[in-house]
C-alpha atoms as a PDB file:
ATOM      1  CA  MET A   1      20.698  52.830 194.371  1.00  0.00           C
ATOM      2  CA  ILE A   2      17.945  52.102 196.927  1.00  0.00           C
ATOM      3  CA  HIS A   3      16.550  54.868 199.170  1.00  0.00           C
ATOM      4  CA  LYS A   4      17.468  54.793 202.851  1.00  0.00           C
ATOM      5  CA  LYS A   5      13.825  54.439 203.923  1.00  0.00           C
ATOM      6  CA  TYR A   6      13.842  50.867 202.443  1.00  0.00           C
ATOM      7  CA  GLU A   7      16.924  49.836 204.462  1.00  0.00           C
ATOM      8  CA  LYS A   8      15.071  47.467 206.796  1.00  0.00           C
ATOM      9  CA  ILE A   9      13.382  45.669 203.924  1.00  0.00           C
ATOM     10  CA  VAL A  10      16.563  45.362 201.930  1.00  0.00           C
ATOM     11  CA  PHE A  11      18.433  44.099 204.998  1.00  0.00           C
ATOM     12  CA  ALA A  12      15.691  41.507 205.693  1.00  0.00           C
ATOM     13  CA  PHE A  13      15.658  40.453 202.059  1.00  0.00           C
ATOM     14  CA  PHE A  14      19.445  39.891 201.763  1.00  0.00           C
ATOM     15  CA  MET A  15      19.879  38.346 205.242  1.00  0.00           C
ATOM     16  CA  SER A  16      17.005  35.883 204.661  1.00  0.00           C
ATOM     17  CA  LEU A  17      18.309  35.132 201.107  1.00  0.00           C
ATOM     18  CA  ILE A  18      21.844  34.334 202.205  1.00  0.00           C
ATOM     19  CA  MET A  19      20.901  32.473 205.430  1.00  0.00           C
ATOM     20  CA  SER A  20      18.181  30.314 203.781  1.00  0.00           C
ATOM     21  CA  PHE A  21      20.496  29.560 200.846  1.00  0.00           C
ATOM     22  CA  ILE A  22      23.231  28.321 203.097  1.00  0.00           C
ATOM     23  CA  MET A  23      21.171  26.623 205.653  1.00  0.00           C
ATOM     24  CA  SER A  24      18.969  24.817 203.183  1.00  0.00           C
ATOM     25  CA  PHE A  25      22.052  23.438 201.524  1.00  0.00           C
ATOM     26  CA  ILE A  26      23.544  22.280 204.848  1.00  0.00           C
ATOM     27  CA  ILE A  27      20.349  20.627 206.081  1.00  0.00           C
ATOM     28  CA  THR A  28      19.555  19.035 202.688  1.00  0.00           C
ATOM     29  CA  TYR A  29      23.159  17.555 202.637  1.00  0.00           C
ATOM     30  CA  ILE A  30      22.899  16.352 206.250  1.00  0.00           C
ATOM     31  CA  ASN A  31      19.614  14.604 205.468  1.00  0.00           C
ATOM     32  CA  LEU A  32      20.315  13.173 202.033  1.00  0.00           C
ATOM     33  CA  ASP A  33      24.070  13.439 201.326  1.00  0.00           C
ATOM     34  CA  PHE A  34      24.761  14.058 197.594  1.00  0.00           C
ATOM     35  CA  VAL A  35      22.082  12.004 195.917  1.00  0.00           C
ATOM     36  CA  ASP A  36      20.769  12.134 192.386  1.00  0.00           C
ATOM     37  CA  GLY A  37      18.649  15.246 192.006  1.00  0.00           C
ATOM     38  CA  PHE A  38      20.358  16.948 194.970  1.00  0.00           C
ATOM     39  CA  VAL A  39      20.459  20.354 193.396  1.00  0.00           C
ATOM     40  CA  LEU A  40      16.668  20.373 192.538  1.00  0.00           C
ATOM     41  CA  ILE A  41      15.828  19.062 196.075  1.00  0.00           C
ATOM     42  CA  TRP A  42      18.048  21.675 197.601  1.00  0.00           C
ATOM     43  CA  LEU A  43      16.597  24.539 195.449  1.00  0.00           C
ATOM     44  CA  GLU A  44      13.015  23.528 196.422  1.00  0.00           C
ATOM     45  CA  ALA A  45      14.044  23.589 200.094  1.00  0.00           C
ATOM     46  CA  PHE A  46      15.706  26.968 199.588  1.00  0.00           C
ATOM     47  CA  ILE A  47      12.668  28.552 198.032  1.00  0.00           C
ATOM     48  CA  LYS A  48      10.501  27.283 200.899  1.00  0.00           C
ATOM     49  CA  ALA A  49      13.026  28.399 203.454  1.00  0.00           C
ATOM     50  CA  PHE A  50      13.350  31.871 201.973  1.00  0.00           C
ATOM     51  CA  ALA A  51       9.555  32.281 201.859  1.00  0.00           C
ATOM     52  CA  CYS A  52       9.552  31.708 205.663  1.00  0.00           C
ATOM     53  CA  ALA A  53      12.738  33.460 206.493  1.00  0.00           C
ATOM     54  CA  PHE A  54      12.079  36.830 204.883  1.00  0.00           C
ATOM     55  CA  PRO A  55       8.935  37.765 206.945  1.00  0.00           C
ATOM     56  CA  ILE A  56      10.491  36.285 210.078  1.00  0.00           C
ATOM     57  CA  ILE A  57      13.641  38.336 209.779  1.00  0.00           C
ATOM     58  CA  PHE A  58      11.743  41.447 208.797  1.00  0.00           C
ATOM     59  CA  VAL A  59       9.682  41.119 212.118  1.00  0.00           C
ATOM     60  CA  ILE A  60      12.342  39.823 214.397  1.00  0.00           C
ATOM     61  CA  ALA A  61      15.361  42.056 213.404  1.00  0.00           C
ATOM     62  CA  PRO A  62      14.107  45.158 215.268  1.00  0.00           C
ATOM     63  CA  VAL A  63      13.548  43.136 218.331  1.00  0.00           C
ATOM     64  CA  VAL A  64      17.092  41.582 218.128  1.00  0.00           C
ATOM     65  CA  HIS A  65      18.497  45.093 217.649  1.00  0.00           C
ATOM     66  CA  LYS A  66      16.771  46.303 220.839  1.00  0.00           C
ATOM     67  CA  ILE A  67      18.027  43.308 222.818  1.00  0.00           C
ATOM     68  CA  VAL A  68      21.612  43.856 221.523  1.00  0.00           C
ATOM     69  CA  HIS A  69      21.506  47.562 222.339  1.00  0.00           C
ATOM     70  CA  LYS A  70      20.507  46.735 225.926  1.00  0.00           C
ATOM     71  CA  LEU A  71      23.355  44.189 226.362  1.00  0.00           C
ATOM     72  CA  ILE A  72      26.087  46.342 224.910  1.00  0.00           C
ATOM     73  CA  VAL A  73      28.102  48.384 227.395  1.00  0.00           C
ATOM     74  CA  LYS A  74      28.153  51.994 226.478  1.00  0.00           C
ATOM     75  CA  ILE A  75      31.564  53.572 227.215  1.00  0.00           C
END
């Protein structure tokens, strides 16, 4: 198992992996439909999206957590 101190990195990794996987598929489909070579085009888009998404989520997630904590009513 992975140590607790790496939780933010692991979270950013899996969140960016899943989101870029799904979103790159959707956007590739919207732009091209199912054309010949779709899977290769999609996988190229996925790799590029993941390379961008991981550092963005790693930096932005703590900011989003702070915003959410300010908006949530504490009962």
